[in-house]
Protein backbone atom coordinates (compact mmCIF):
# COMPACT_ATOMS: atom_id res chain seq x y z
CA PRO A 1 -0.34 -3.66 14.54
CA GLY A 2 -3.64 -4.66 16.04
CA LYS A 3 -5.20 -4.86 12.66
CA SER A 4 -4.39 -8.39 11.61
CA ALA A 5 -7.65 -9.49 11.06
CA ASP A 6 -8.31 -6.53 8.59
CA ALA A 7 -5.22 -7.58 6.97
CA ALA A 8 -6.17 -10.99 6.64
CA ALA A 9 -9.30 -10.14 5.08
CA VAL A 10 -7.37 -8.02 2.46
CA VAL A 11 -5.28 -11.12 1.72
CA ALA A 12 -8.15 -13.26 1.46
CA ALA A 13 -9.79 -11.20 -0.87
CA ALA A 14 -6.69 -11.19 -3.24
CA GLY A 15 -7.11 -14.77 -3.71
CA SER A 16 -3.64 -15.37 -4.29
CA ASN A 17 -0.57 -16.90 -2.46
CA ARG A 18 1.73 -14.29 -3.43
CA VAL A 19 0.13 -11.80 -1.18
CA HIS A 20 1.90 -11.46 2.14
CA VAL A 21 1.58 -9.13 5.22
CA PHE A 22 4.69 -7.59 6.62
CA PRO A 23 5.37 -9.15 10.02
CA GLU A 24 5.19 -6.09 12.54
CA ASP A 25 8.53 -6.64 13.94
CA ALA A 26 10.14 -6.71 10.59
CA ARG A 27 13.70 -5.29 10.61
CA LEU A 28 14.50 -2.21 8.04
CA PRO A 29 16.87 -4.73 5.92
CA ASP A 30 14.09 -7.41 5.80
CA ARG A 31 11.38 -4.66 4.77
CA ALA A 32 13.79 -3.54 2.09
CA ALA A 33 14.34 -6.92 0.58
CA LEU A 34 10.59 -7.77 0.74
CA ILE A 35 10.05 -4.44 -0.93
CA ALA A 36 12.67 -5.26 -3.59
CA LEU A 37 10.97 -8.61 -4.30
CA SER A 38 7.30 -7.24 -4.41
CA ARG A 39 5.39 -6.58 -7.48
CA ILE A 40 3.22 -4.09 -5.66
CA VAL A 41 3.40 -2.38 -2.26
CA ILE A 42 0.29 -1.98 0.11
CA THR A 43 1.13 0.18 3.08
CA VAL A 44 0.04 2.88 5.35
CA ASN A 45 1.99 6.32 5.33
CA THR A 46 5.24 4.75 6.80
CA ALA A 47 8.80 4.83 5.61
CA VAL A 48 7.82 1.90 3.44
CA VAL A 49 6.14 4.36 0.90
CA PRO A 50 9.62 6.10 0.10
CA MET A 51 11.54 2.88 0.33
CA ALA A 52 8.90 1.45 -2.53
CA SER A 53 9.34 4.40 -4.68
CA ALA A 54 13.19 4.14 -4.57
CA ALA A 55 12.72 0.38 -5.66
CA ALA A 56 10.56 1.59 -8.59
CA ARG A 57 7.44 -0.67 -6.89
CA PRO A 58 3.91 0.45 -7.78
CA VAL A 59 2.23 1.62 -4.34
CA VAL A 60 -1.09 1.34 -2.83
CA GLY A 61 -0.80 4.04 -0.06
CA LEU A 62 -2.94 4.08 2.88
CA TYR A 63 -3.39 7.83 4.75
CA SER A 64 -5.66 8.99 7.48
CA ASN A 65 -7.83 11.93 6.80
CA LYS A 66 -5.72 14.20 9.04
CA ARG A 67 -4.30 17.41 7.57
CA ALA A 68 -0.74 16.22 7.52
CA ASP A 69 -1.53 13.27 5.55
CA HIS A 70 -2.72 15.36 2.68
CA ASN A 71 0.68 16.73 2.43
CA GLU A 72 2.26 15.86 -1.01
CA ARG A 73 5.79 15.06 0.52
CA TYR A 74 4.37 11.91 1.93
CA LEU A 75 2.84 10.14 -1.28
CA PRO A 76 4.73 7.84 -3.43
CA ARG A 77 6.95 9.37 -6.04
CA GLY A 78 7.72 8.67 -9.56
CA VAL A 79 5.93 5.12 -9.55
CA PRO A 80 2.41 4.13 -10.37
CA GLN A 81 0.07 4.54 -7.61
CA ARG A 82 -3.33 4.56 -5.80
CA VAL A 83 -3.72 6.41 -2.55
CA VAL A 84 -6.81 5.61 -0.32
CA TYR A 85 -7.67 8.14 2.48
CA ALA A 86 -9.75 7.34 5.47
CA PRO A 87 -13.33 8.72 5.67
CA GLU A 88 -13.63 12.19 7.15
CA GLY A 89 -11.95 12.64 10.16
CA GLY A 90 -10.79 9.05 10.22
CA SER A 91 -7.58 7.15 11.05
CA VAL A 92 -5.87 4.70 8.72
CA SER A 93 -7.65 1.85 10.72
CA ASP A 94 -10.99 3.15 9.38
CA ILE A 95 -10.24 2.38 5.75
CA GLN A 96 -12.43 -0.60 4.62
CA PRO A 97 -10.67 -3.62 3.13
CA GLU A 98 -12.82 -3.23 0.02
CA ASP A 99 -11.52 0.10 -0.53
CA VAL A 100 -7.85 -1.31 -0.52
CA ILE A 101 -8.79 -4.01 -2.71
CA ALA A 102 -10.65 -1.44 -5.17
CA ALA A 103 -7.45 0.72 -5.32
CA TYR A 104 -5.48 -2.52 -5.78
CA ASP A 105 -7.55 -3.50 -8.61
CA ALA A 106 -7.63 -0.15 -10.28
CA LEU A 107 -3.75 0.03 -10.26
CA VAL A 108 -3.44 -3.48 -11.54
CA ALA A 109 -5.35 -2.32 -14.32
CA ASP A 110 -3.38 0.79 -14.93
CA LEU A 111 -0.16 -1.62 -14.93
CA ARG A 112 -1.81 -3.94 -17.56
CA ASP A 113 -2.91 -1.20 -19.96
CA ALA A 114 0.03 1.08 -19.42
CA PRO A 115 2.32 0.86 -22.81
CA LYS A 116 5.31 -1.77 -22.61
CA ARG A 117 8.66 -0.20 -22.69
């Protein structure tokens, strides 16, 4: 909430009409449906992280630099992932769009180079 300009910058930099931002008021079933249809989920440390893990979707997770966010239990599980932490002492809103894009690009490269099953 309140960071729609930053989210729009990430969407614009992705250069794809397949990149979408969750509506702030999306209901849980709507979020689950969107996650199920997603190829990669980019999200802050919220319930979306375990939902994406459960749906076997790769995750770019965005976390503050607070001690609690360095707790392994909040990270994606069992899926390809990249985690971006805010600068020292910072919150998620301090993460730069370029850092999100770099994590996304690295995750896409991992997925592309992974052995096919």
